[in-house]
Amino acid sequence: KPPPLRWVSRAPGGWGIMLDDLGAAAYTILILYGLAVTSHK
């Protein structure tokens, strides 16, 4: 896990799990957007 997600996943209760999933989704969106922009012809 990237450092910010590792820190967020330590939040108490279910918050850590939820924020970790949201952060992973944000990273995925950024990566896919970057791939789409750079590979578009």
PDB file of N, CA and C in Angstrom:
ATOM      1  N   LYS A   1       0.840  -1.193   0.000  1.00  0.00           N
ATOM      2  CA  LYS A   1       0.000   0.000   0.000  1.00  0.00           C
ATOM      3  C   LYS A   1       0.875   1.242   0.000  1.00  0.00           C
ATOM      4  N   PRO A   2       0.463   2.253  -0.761  1.00  0.00           N
ATOM      5  CA  PRO A   2       1.173   3.528  -0.701  1.00  0.00           C
ATOM      6  C   PRO A   2       1.048   4.128   0.703  1.00  0.00           C
ATOM      7  N   PRO A   3       2.013   4.934   1.103  1.00  0.00           N
ATOM      8  CA  PRO A   3       2.028   5.471   2.471  1.00  0.00           C
ATOM      9  C   PRO A   3       0.737   6.135   2.944  1.00  0.00           C
ATOM     10  N   PRO A   4       0.065   6.983   2.172  1.00  0.00           N
ATOM     11  CA  PRO A   4      -1.150   7.583   2.736  1.00  0.00           C
ATOM     12  C   PRO A   4      -2.224   6.535   3.062  1.00  0.00           C
ATOM     13  N   LEU A   5      -2.354   5.520   2.238  1.00  0.00           N
ATOM     14  CA  LEU A   5      -3.378   4.504   2.491  1.00  0.00           C
ATOM     15  C   LEU A   5      -3.024   3.654   3.699  1.00  0.00           C
ATOM     16  N   ARG A   6      -1.761   3.417   3.895  1.00  0.00           N
ATOM     17  CA  ARG A   6      -1.332   2.643   5.065  1.00  0.00           C
ATOM     18  C   ARG A   6      -1.706   3.383   6.345  1.00  0.00           C
ATOM     19  N   TRP A   7      -1.533   4.700   6.350  1.00  0.00           N
ATOM     20  CA  TRP A   7      -1.862   5.508   7.526  1.00  0.00           C
ATOM     21  C   TRP A   7      -3.375   5.566   7.736  1.00  0.00           C
ATOM     22  N   VAL A   8      -4.130   5.743   6.655  1.00  0.00           N
ATOM     23  CA  VAL A   8      -5.588   5.869   6.748  1.00  0.00           C
ATOM     24  C   VAL A   8      -6.218   4.565   7.222  1.00  0.00           C
ATOM     25  N   SER A   9      -5.658   3.435   6.830  1.00  0.00           N
ATOM     26  CA  SER A   9      -6.262   2.149   7.196  1.00  0.00           C
ATOM     27  C   SER A   9      -6.187   1.884   8.696  1.00  0.00           C
ATOM     28  N   ARG A  10      -5.417   2.669   9.437  1.00  0.00           N
ATOM     29  CA  ARG A  10      -5.312   2.504  10.890  1.00  0.00           C
ATOM     30  C   ARG A  10      -6.392   3.262  11.654  1.00  0.00           C
ATOM     31  N   ALA A  11      -7.282   3.933  10.954  1.00  0.00           N
ATOM     32  CA  ALA A  11      -8.359   4.670  11.619  1.00  0.00           C
ATOM     33  C   ALA A  11      -9.223   3.690  12.415  1.00  0.00           C
ATOM     34  N   PRO A  12      -9.800   4.147  13.506  1.00  0.00           N
ATOM     35  CA  PRO A  12     -10.565   3.239  14.372  1.00  0.00           C
ATOM     36  C   PRO A  12     -11.871   2.753  13.740  1.00  0.00           C
ATOM     37  N   GLY A  13     -12.266   1.573  14.151  1.00  0.00           N
ATOM     38  CA  GLY A  13     -13.538   1.015  13.711  1.00  0.00           C
ATOM     39  C   GLY A  13     -13.556   0.707  12.225  1.00  0.00           C
ATOM     40  N   GLY A  14     -14.709   0.849  11.647  1.00  0.00           N
ATOM     41  CA  GLY A  14     -14.867   0.585  10.222  1.00  0.00           C
ATOM     42  C   GLY A  14     -14.379   1.711   9.337  1.00  0.00           C
ATOM     43  N   TRP A  15     -14.034   2.846   9.942  1.00  0.00           N
ATOM     44  CA  TRP A  15     -13.567   3.995   9.154  1.00  0.00           C
ATOM     45  C   TRP A  15     -12.304   3.669   8.377  1.00  0.00           C
ATOM     46  N   GLY A  16     -11.391   2.951   8.985  1.00  0.00           N
ATOM     47  CA  GLY A  16     -10.139   2.624   8.309  1.00  0.00           C
ATOM     48  C   GLY A  16     -10.364   1.801   7.064  1.00  0.00           C
ATOM     49  N   ILE A  17     -11.236   0.830   7.165  1.00  0.00           N
ATOM     50  CA  ILE A  17     -11.529  -0.027   6.013  1.00  0.00           C
ATOM     51  C   ILE A  17     -12.201   0.780   4.912  1.00  0.00           C
ATOM     52  N   MET A  18     -13.168   1.598   5.297  1.00  0.00           N
ATOM     53  CA  MET A  18     -13.897   2.384   4.313  1.00  0.00           C
ATOM     54  C   MET A  18     -12.981   3.398   3.622  1.00  0.00           C
ATOM     55  N   LEU A  19     -12.178   4.112   4.401  1.00  0.00           N
ATOM     56  CA  LEU A  19     -11.280   5.109   3.816  1.00  0.00           C
ATOM     57  C   LEU A  19     -10.192   4.453   2.980  1.00  0.00           C
ATOM     58  N   ASP A  20      -9.744   3.279   3.380  1.00  0.00           N
ATOM     59  CA  ASP A  20      -8.755   2.546   2.605  1.00  0.00           C
ATOM     60  C   ASP A  20      -9.332   2.170   1.239  1.00  0.00           C
ATOM     61  N   ASP A  21     -10.564   1.705   1.215  1.00  0.00           N
ATOM     62  CA  ASP A  21     -11.210   1.352  -0.050  1.00  0.00           C
ATOM     63  C   ASP A  21     -11.416   2.575  -0.935  1.00  0.00           C
ATOM     64  N   LEU A  22     -11.826   3.683  -0.336  1.00  0.00           N
ATOM     65  CA  LEU A  22     -12.008   4.908  -1.123  1.00  0.00           C
ATOM     66  C   LEU A  22     -10.678   5.408  -1.687  1.00  0.00           C
ATOM     67  N   GLY A  23      -9.626   5.323  -0.878  1.00  0.00           N
ATOM     68  CA  GLY A  23      -8.309   5.736  -1.354  1.00  0.00           C
ATOM     69  C   GLY A  23      -7.807   4.845  -2.475  1.00  0.00           C
ATOM     70  N   ALA A  24      -8.031   3.545  -2.352  1.00  0.00           N
ATOM     71  CA  ALA A  24      -7.625   2.620  -3.412  1.00  0.00           C
ATOM     72  C   ALA A  24      -8.392   2.915  -4.698  1.00  0.00           C
ATOM     73  N   ALA A  25      -9.667   3.244  -4.569  1.00  0.00           N
ATOM     74  CA  ALA A  25     -10.459   3.597  -5.746  1.00  0.00           C
ATOM     75  C   ALA A  25      -9.932   4.880  -6.391  1.00  0.00           C
ATOM     76  N   ALA A  26      -9.551   5.847  -5.576  1.00  0.00           N
ATOM     77  CA  ALA A  26      -9.011   7.101  -6.112  1.00  0.00           C
ATOM     78  C   ALA A  26      -7.700   6.856  -6.856  1.00  0.00           C
ATOM     79  N   TYR A  27      -6.821   6.024  -6.282  1.00  0.00           N
ATOM     80  CA  TYR A  27      -5.575   5.688  -6.970  1.00  0.00           C
ATOM     81  C   TYR A  27      -5.860   4.988  -8.295  1.00  0.00           C
ATOM     82  N   THR A  28      -6.819   4.085  -8.304  1.00  0.00           N
ATOM     83  CA  THR A  28      -7.168   3.363  -9.524  1.00  0.00           C
ATOM     84  C   THR A  28      -7.692   4.308 -10.589  1.00  0.00           C
ATOM     85  N   ILE A  29      -8.550   5.238 -10.192  1.00  0.00           N
ATOM     86  CA  ILE A  29      -9.081   6.213 -11.148  1.00  0.00           C
ATOM     87  C   ILE A  29      -7.956   7.051 -11.739  1.00  0.00           C
ATOM     88  N   LEU A  30      -7.038   7.511 -10.893  1.00  0.00           N
ATOM     89  CA  LEU A  30      -5.922   8.326 -11.390  1.00  0.00           C
ATOM     90  C   LEU A  30      -5.043   7.545 -12.354  1.00  0.00           C
ATOM     91  N   ILE A  31      -4.755   6.302 -12.038  1.00  0.00           N
ATOM     92  CA  ILE A  31      -3.912   5.478 -12.908  1.00  0.00           C
ATOM     93  C   ILE A  31      -4.607   5.223 -14.241  1.00  0.00           C
ATOM     94  N   LEU A  32      -5.884   4.838 -14.206  1.00  0.00           N
ATOM     95  CA  LEU A  32      -6.606   4.577 -15.448  1.00  0.00           C
ATOM     96  C   LEU A  32      -6.760   5.843 -16.284  1.00  0.00           C
ATOM     97  N   TYR A  33      -6.999   6.972 -15.642  1.00  0.00           N
ATOM     98  CA  TYR A  33      -7.095   8.233 -16.371  1.00  0.00           C
ATOM     99  C   TYR A  33      -5.759   8.573 -17.025  1.00  0.00           C
ATOM    100  N   GLY A  34      -4.684   8.392 -16.273  1.00  0.00           N
ATOM    101  CA  GLY A  34      -3.359   8.651 -16.830  1.00  0.00           C
ATOM    102  C   GLY A  34      -3.052   7.760 -18.017  1.00  0.00           C
ATOM    103  N   LEU A  35      -3.416   6.490 -17.922  1.00  0.00           N
ATOM    104  CA  LEU A  35      -3.207   5.575 -19.047  1.00  0.00           C
ATOM    105  C   LEU A  35      -4.061   5.967 -20.245  1.00  0.00           C
ATOM    106  N   ALA A  36      -5.293   6.368 -20.006  1.00  0.00           N
ATOM    107  CA  ALA A  36      -6.176   6.766 -21.101  1.00  0.00           C
ATOM    108  C   ALA A  36      -5.658   8.017 -21.800  1.00  0.00           C
ATOM    109  N   VAL A  37      -5.171   8.967 -21.038  1.00  0.00           N
ATOM    110  CA  VAL A  37      -4.681  10.217 -21.622  1.00  0.00           C
ATOM    111  C   VAL A  37      -3.397   9.985 -22.412  1.00  0.00           C
ATOM    112  N   THR A  38      -2.500   9.174 -21.875  1.00  0.00           N
ATOM    113  CA  THR A  38      -1.217   8.979 -22.545  1.00  0.00           C
ATOM    114  C   THR A  38      -1.292   8.000 -23.706  1.00  0.00           C
ATOM    115  N   SER A  39      -2.288   7.132 -23.745  1.00  0.00           N
ATOM    116  CA  SER A  39      -2.360   6.155 -24.831  1.00  0.00           C
ATOM    117  C   SER A  39      -3.382   6.537 -25.894  1.00  0.00           C
ATOM    118  N   HIS A  40      -4.073   7.646 -25.708  1.00  0.00           N
ATOM    119  CA  HIS A  40      -5.070   8.086 -26.685  1.00  0.00           C
ATOM    120  C   HIS A  40      -4.372   8.590 -27.933  1.00  0.00           C
ATOM    121  N   LYS A  41      -4.850   8.121 -29.079  1.00  0.00           N
ATOM    122  CA  LYS A  41      -4.220   8.542 -30.347  1.00  0.00           C
ATOM    123  C   LYS A  41      -5.112   9.486 -31.110  1.00  0.00           C
TER     124      LYS A  41
END
